[in-house]
Structures are given as structure tokens and as C-alpha cells.
Amino acid sequence: MESVAKNAAARTPVIEMQDVRRVYVMGDQEVHALRGISFVIREGEFVSIMGPSGSGKSTCMNMIGCLDRPTAGIVKINGKETAKMGEKELANLRNRTVGFVFQQYFLLNSMSVLENVMLPLRYQGISKRQRQEMAVQALEKVGLSDRINHHPYELSGGQKQRVAIARATVTRPKIILADEPTGALDSATGKAVLKLFYRINRTEGTTVVIVTHDSRIGSITNRCIHILDGSIKSDMRRRGETGGGTVISR
């Protein structure tokens, strides 16, 4: 299988951090969550952002997901500087550019699997018939076409995460942002989920960013940005542009 990704130097930046700082004021104390981090992630990259609890990786994730703004520095998502955007513009950028996958799934038990995957499309003004078609296609890609009428409480953890991935990809975003996506799964199921992210990255050219504390995930992504105490400790690429580790290799 050939990668759709182009040479790294020719790819368009989709995530840009320039000396980004984030300070939270808690009473009379200041908490420096990010201390001037800088990196660029280009289209088609498969990246992990790794660090222990309290390292600043979650704050970094919130910047990428347009859920927070920097205290200082510049954050650009798909070429747009988030600090200069209003809340409505940010919401639109999130909906059209970033697909979110969370450890807790955040699926609605009152809705069917199909309805859960259709939900993000509602905010794009897409007709119900087209929303259904797109959701079915997304579920087929994650191997759940036989579960579209089930509800989340009827699924296993691995199936729920695949539904969450289908929901994240149904809008065809430029970026998939996953927060500890294997944290609630057993080892074998976690490997299957990682293979799915790998396939999405390889076949569709979607930029995949996994935020994790798990060094095993950091070791199999093509690039690992290690954050510690709000600063970048290391930024390493592995085995060329499209190579992965043994867990996600074919």
C-alpha cells in the first residue's frame, strides 16, 4: 500500500505553534502550563504528543483543538491564527478541520450508532439523506456496518472507539486529534485501534495526532513530540516519513 503523503518538505503546515505560552491564574498563583513551545505539523503526518500527567500535553491538545487560546505566542490551525478568531469562527474551524477522538468515547446512548456518527454533519448544513450516506460509509471503513442500528450501550469498548473514530472522520477533517484513545482498552483491542488510525493516515492522508502518556504509542508513530513541564523535551522522527513500528506495520 502506497502512502498518499507527499515529501515532508512540500507538505502544507496544518498545525503551527510559535513560542506558545499558557498561564492559568488560580487564586494568587500562576500555573505555567506551556512555557514557549514551538513546532510545525504538516499534512499527512502521523504524530504522537507524549508526556506524563501535568506535563502540558493536554493544554497543547486544547490549543490544537481550538478549545483554548494561548496567553502568548501564535497558534495556527490550517493556516488560521486562532487568537484572532471569534467563538463562532473557532466552532466552525473545529467542526470542519478537526475530528476528535476521546478515551471516554462521549457517545450518546439515546442515539443509535448511525445517529451518533451523523451528528457532526448536522452543523454543516448537509441534508439528512446525505448525512446518512456519509455516516454509513464512515462506519463501513471502521468495520461496523452491521452495528448501525445498535446503541452504544450494546457495544464493546473497542466497538465504541471505532464508532468514535467514524464520527471523527465523517466530516473528512484535515486533522484527527485523539486523546488517550487506547487508555480504556485492553492491549489487543488497543493495537487494533492504532492500526485503524494508521490506515486512515496512510490511505486518506489525514494528519493524525495522538496525545498520550503511553511510551508504547510514542514509539510506533512516525514522529513523537515529548513534552515535560510545559516545554518540548524532544521531537523525534522514526524510520523515515511513512514507516511505523512493529505494532502498526502490515
Protein backbone atom coordinates (compact mmCIF):
# COMPACT_ATOMS: atom_id res chain seq x y z
CA MET A 1 0.00 0.00 0.00
CA GLU A 2 1.48 3.33 -1.01
CA SER A 3 1.17 6.40 1.14
CA VAL A 4 -0.72 9.37 -0.26
CA ALA A 5 1.59 11.63 1.70
CA LYS A 6 3.99 13.84 -0.22
CA ASN A 7 7.57 14.66 0.61
CA ALA A 8 7.64 16.27 4.07
CA ALA A 9 9.23 19.48 2.87
CA ALA A 10 6.45 20.04 0.34
CA ARG A 11 3.53 19.42 2.68
CA THR A 12 1.32 22.25 3.86
CA PRO A 13 1.50 23.06 7.59
CA VAL A 14 -1.80 22.28 9.29
CA ILE A 15 -0.67 22.91 12.89
CA GLU A 16 1.77 25.67 13.79
CA MET A 17 2.90 26.58 17.31
CA GLN A 18 5.22 29.57 17.67
CA ASP A 19 6.58 30.24 21.18
CA VAL A 20 3.20 29.32 22.70
CA ARG A 21 2.71 30.03 26.38
CA ARG A 22 -0.33 29.33 28.52
CA VAL A 23 -0.64 30.67 32.03
CA TYR A 24 -3.60 29.89 34.27
CA VAL A 25 -4.32 32.14 37.24
CA MET A 26 -5.51 30.16 40.27
CA GLY A 27 -6.17 32.50 43.16
CA ASP A 28 -2.94 34.35 43.79
CA GLN A 29 -0.85 31.77 41.93
CA GLU A 30 0.12 31.46 38.28
CA VAL A 31 0.37 28.00 36.72
CA HIS A 32 2.60 27.91 33.63
CA ALA A 33 1.13 25.04 31.63
CA LEU A 34 3.08 25.81 28.44
CA ARG A 35 6.43 27.59 28.51
CA GLY A 36 7.12 28.69 24.96
CA ILE A 37 6.64 25.59 22.79
CA SER A 38 7.20 25.69 19.04
CA PHE A 39 6.62 23.04 16.37
CA VAL A 40 5.02 22.55 12.97
CA ILE A 41 2.93 19.52 11.95
CA ARG A 42 2.32 19.17 8.22
CA GLU A 43 -0.47 17.48 6.31
CA GLY A 44 -0.24 13.70 6.26
CA GLU A 45 1.95 13.32 9.35
CA PHE A 46 1.30 10.65 11.99
CA VAL A 47 2.39 12.20 15.28
CA SER A 48 2.20 11.46 18.99
CA ILE A 49 2.43 14.17 21.65
CA MET A 50 3.66 12.37 24.72
CA GLY A 51 4.19 13.29 28.35
CA PRO A 52 3.24 12.37 31.91
CA SER A 53 0.30 13.82 33.78
CA GLY A 54 0.78 17.55 34.32
CA SER A 55 3.35 17.88 31.54
CA GLY A 56 1.25 20.28 29.46
CA LYS A 57 0.25 17.84 26.73
CA SER A 58 -3.49 18.28 27.44
CA THR A 59 -3.13 22.06 27.23
CA CYS A 60 -1.30 21.57 23.94
CA MET A 61 -4.16 19.37 22.75
CA ASN A 62 -6.67 22.07 23.67
CA MET A 63 -4.72 24.56 21.57
CA ILE A 64 -4.74 22.25 18.55
CA GLY A 65 -8.44 21.53 19.04
CA CYS A 66 -9.31 25.24 19.28
CA LEU A 67 -10.66 24.67 22.79
CA ASP A 68 -8.30 27.20 24.37
CA ARG A 69 -6.25 30.23 23.38
CA PRO A 70 -2.61 30.99 24.16
CA THR A 71 -1.60 33.56 26.75
CA ALA A 72 1.24 34.48 24.40
CA GLY A 73 2.62 33.19 21.12
CA ILE A 74 0.88 32.11 17.94
CA VAL A 75 -1.28 29.07 17.23
CA LYS A 76 -2.32 28.46 13.63
CA ILE A 77 -4.67 25.67 12.61
CA ASN A 78 -4.98 25.11 8.88
CA GLY A 79 -3.32 28.50 8.35
CA LYS A 80 -5.68 30.44 10.63
CA GLU A 81 -4.47 32.16 13.79
CA THR A 82 -6.88 31.07 16.50
CA ALA A 83 -6.29 34.02 18.86
CA LYS A 84 -7.73 36.36 16.23
CA MET A 85 -10.94 34.39 15.75
CA GLY A 86 -14.29 34.79 17.46
CA GLU A 87 -16.09 31.93 19.18
CA LYS A 88 -18.32 31.24 16.18
CA GLU A 89 -15.32 31.13 13.85
CA LEU A 90 -13.50 28.79 16.23
CA ALA A 91 -16.51 26.49 16.44
CA ASN A 92 -16.69 26.35 12.66
CA LEU A 93 -12.95 25.63 12.42
CA ARG A 94 -13.29 22.81 14.95
CA ASN A 95 -16.22 21.28 13.14
CA ARG A 96 -14.70 21.36 9.67
CA THR A 97 -10.99 20.90 10.33
CA VAL A 98 -10.55 18.77 13.46
CA GLY A 99 -12.06 15.38 14.25
CA PHE A 100 -11.90 14.47 17.95
CA VAL A 101 -11.49 11.00 19.47
CA PHE A 102 -11.56 10.72 23.27
CA GLN A 103 -10.70 7.97 25.74
CA GLN A 104 -14.24 8.14 27.17
CA TYR A 105 -15.86 7.93 23.68
CA PHE A 106 -18.57 10.51 24.52
CA LEU A 107 -21.23 8.68 22.53
CA LEU A 108 -24.90 9.38 23.23
CA ASN A 109 -26.67 6.26 24.48
CA SER A 110 -30.04 7.69 23.47
CA MET A 111 -28.95 7.65 19.81
CA SER A 112 -28.15 4.75 17.53
CA VAL A 113 -24.63 4.22 16.24
CA LEU A 114 -25.67 5.72 12.91
CA GLU A 115 -27.21 8.78 14.56
CA ASN A 116 -24.08 9.34 16.66
CA VAL A 117 -21.92 9.39 13.55
CA MET A 118 -24.35 11.65 11.69
CA LEU A 119 -24.36 14.24 14.48
CA PRO A 120 -21.32 16.39 13.45
CA LEU A 121 -22.71 16.70 9.92
CA ARG A 122 -25.84 18.42 11.19
CA TYR A 123 -23.84 21.57 11.86
CA GLN A 124 -22.57 21.70 8.29
CA GLY A 125 -25.97 22.18 6.69
CA ILE A 126 -25.91 18.78 4.99
CA SER A 127 -29.23 17.14 4.13
CA LYS A 128 -30.41 14.22 6.25
CA ARG A 129 -30.17 11.79 3.34
CA GLN A 130 -26.58 12.78 2.62
CA ARG A 131 -25.73 12.68 6.33
CA GLN A 132 -26.98 9.10 6.46
CA GLU A 133 -24.99 8.09 3.37
CA MET A 134 -21.79 9.65 4.70
CA ALA A 135 -22.25 8.08 8.13
CA VAL A 136 -22.82 4.62 6.65
CA GLN A 137 -19.65 4.98 4.58
CA ALA A 138 -17.67 6.06 7.65
CA LEU A 139 -18.94 3.07 9.64
CA GLU A 140 -18.10 0.71 6.78
CA LYS A 141 -14.50 1.96 6.87
CA VAL A 142 -14.16 1.04 10.55
CA GLY A 143 -15.85 -2.33 10.09
CA LEU A 144 -19.14 -1.58 11.85
CA SER A 145 -21.68 -1.58 9.03
CA ASP A 146 -23.53 -4.39 10.85
CA ARG A 147 -23.95 -2.30 14.01
CA ILE A 148 -25.52 0.89 12.65
CA ASN A 149 -28.86 0.35 14.39
CA HIS A 150 -27.36 -0.67 17.73
CA HIS A 151 -26.91 1.74 20.63
CA PRO A 152 -23.55 2.44 22.31
CA TYR A 153 -24.50 0.52 25.48
CA GLU A 154 -24.80 -2.61 23.32
CA LEU A 155 -21.18 -2.38 22.08
CA SER A 156 -17.80 -3.41 23.43
CA GLY A 157 -15.16 -0.83 24.30
CA GLY A 158 -13.31 -1.43 21.05
CA GLN A 159 -16.51 -1.07 19.03
CA LYS A 160 -17.37 2.17 20.83
CA GLN A 161 -13.96 3.58 19.98
CA ARG A 162 -14.42 2.62 16.33
CA VAL A 163 -17.76 4.45 16.35
CA ALA A 164 -15.97 7.46 17.81
CA ILE A 165 -13.37 7.25 15.03
CA ALA A 166 -16.12 7.05 12.41
CA ARG A 167 -17.75 10.13 13.94
CA ALA A 168 -14.41 11.96 13.90
CA THR A 169 -13.70 11.11 10.26
CA VAL A 170 -17.20 11.52 8.80
CA THR A 171 -16.68 15.27 8.25
CA ARG A 172 -13.45 14.49 6.34
CA PRO A 173 -11.31 16.73 8.55
CA LYS A 174 -7.70 17.62 7.87
CA ILE A 175 -6.71 16.61 11.42
CA ILE A 176 -7.70 13.71 13.66
CA LEU A 177 -6.92 14.61 17.28
CA ALA A 178 -7.04 11.63 19.63
CA ASP A 179 -6.78 11.96 23.41
CA GLU A 180 -5.55 8.70 25.02
CA PRO A 181 -7.64 6.68 22.52
CA THR A 182 -6.43 3.29 23.81
CA GLY A 183 -6.42 4.17 27.52
CA ALA A 184 -9.65 2.31 28.31
CA LEU A 185 -8.95 -0.68 26.07
CA ASP A 186 -7.12 -3.97 26.54
CA SER A 187 -3.81 -4.45 24.75
CA ALA A 188 -5.11 -6.37 21.72
CA THR A 189 -8.04 -4.00 21.15
CA GLY A 190 -5.74 -1.02 21.58
CA LYS A 191 -3.43 -2.36 18.87
CA ALA A 192 -6.41 -2.77 16.54
CA VAL A 193 -7.44 0.85 17.14
CA LEU A 194 -3.90 2.06 16.42
CA LYS A 195 -3.89 0.08 13.17
CA LEU A 196 -7.10 1.87 12.23
CA PHE A 197 -5.52 5.29 12.82
CA TYR A 198 -2.52 4.15 10.80
CA ARG A 199 -4.73 3.07 7.89
CA ILE A 200 -6.64 6.38 7.91
CA ASN A 201 -3.35 8.25 7.82
CA ARG A 202 -1.85 6.09 5.07
CA THR A 203 -4.82 5.75 2.74
CA GLU A 204 -6.54 9.12 3.17
CA GLY A 205 -3.59 11.35 4.01
CA THR A 206 -5.31 12.67 7.12
CA THR A 207 -2.99 14.18 9.71
CA VAL A 208 -3.28 12.10 12.89
CA VAL A 209 -2.16 13.48 16.26
CA ILE A 210 -2.37 11.18 19.29
CA VAL A 211 -1.98 12.75 22.74
CA THR A 212 -0.80 10.12 25.22
CA HIS A 213 1.26 9.27 28.28
CA ASP A 214 1.93 5.79 26.85
CA SER A 215 5.51 5.45 25.59
CA ARG A 216 4.48 2.45 23.50
CA ILE A 217 2.33 4.68 21.33
CA GLY A 218 5.11 7.22 21.13
CA SER A 219 7.41 4.50 19.82
CA ILE A 220 5.22 3.49 16.86
CA THR A 221 4.15 6.85 15.43
CA ASN A 222 6.30 8.36 12.69
CA ARG A 223 7.09 11.33 14.94
CA CYS A 224 6.99 11.80 18.70
CA ILE A 225 6.94 15.20 20.40
CA HIS A 226 7.77 14.72 24.07
CA ILE A 227 6.55 17.46 26.42
CA LEU A 228 7.74 17.81 30.00
CA ASP A 229 6.98 20.63 32.46
CA GLY A 230 5.40 22.73 29.70
CA SER A 231 8.42 22.57 27.37
CA ILE A 232 9.42 20.33 24.49
CA LYS A 233 11.95 17.79 25.71
CA SER A 234 12.44 16.13 22.33
CA ASP A 235 10.96 15.98 18.83
CA MET A 236 11.97 12.80 17.04
CA ARG A 237 11.09 11.24 13.69
CA ARG A 238 11.26 7.49 13.26
CA ARG A 239 12.27 5.34 10.32
CA GLY A 240 11.60 7.81 7.54
CA GLU A 241 8.45 9.65 6.54
CA THR A 242 5.91 6.85 6.45
CA GLY A 243 7.46 4.00 8.39
CA GLY A 244 5.95 2.83 11.63
CA GLY A 245 6.81 0.39 14.35
CA THR A 246 6.02 -3.28 14.56
CA VAL A 247 2.62 -2.71 16.16
CA ILE A 248 1.12 -0.89 13.19
CA SER A 249 3.14 -2.33 10.32
CA ARG A 250 1.33 -4.50 7.80
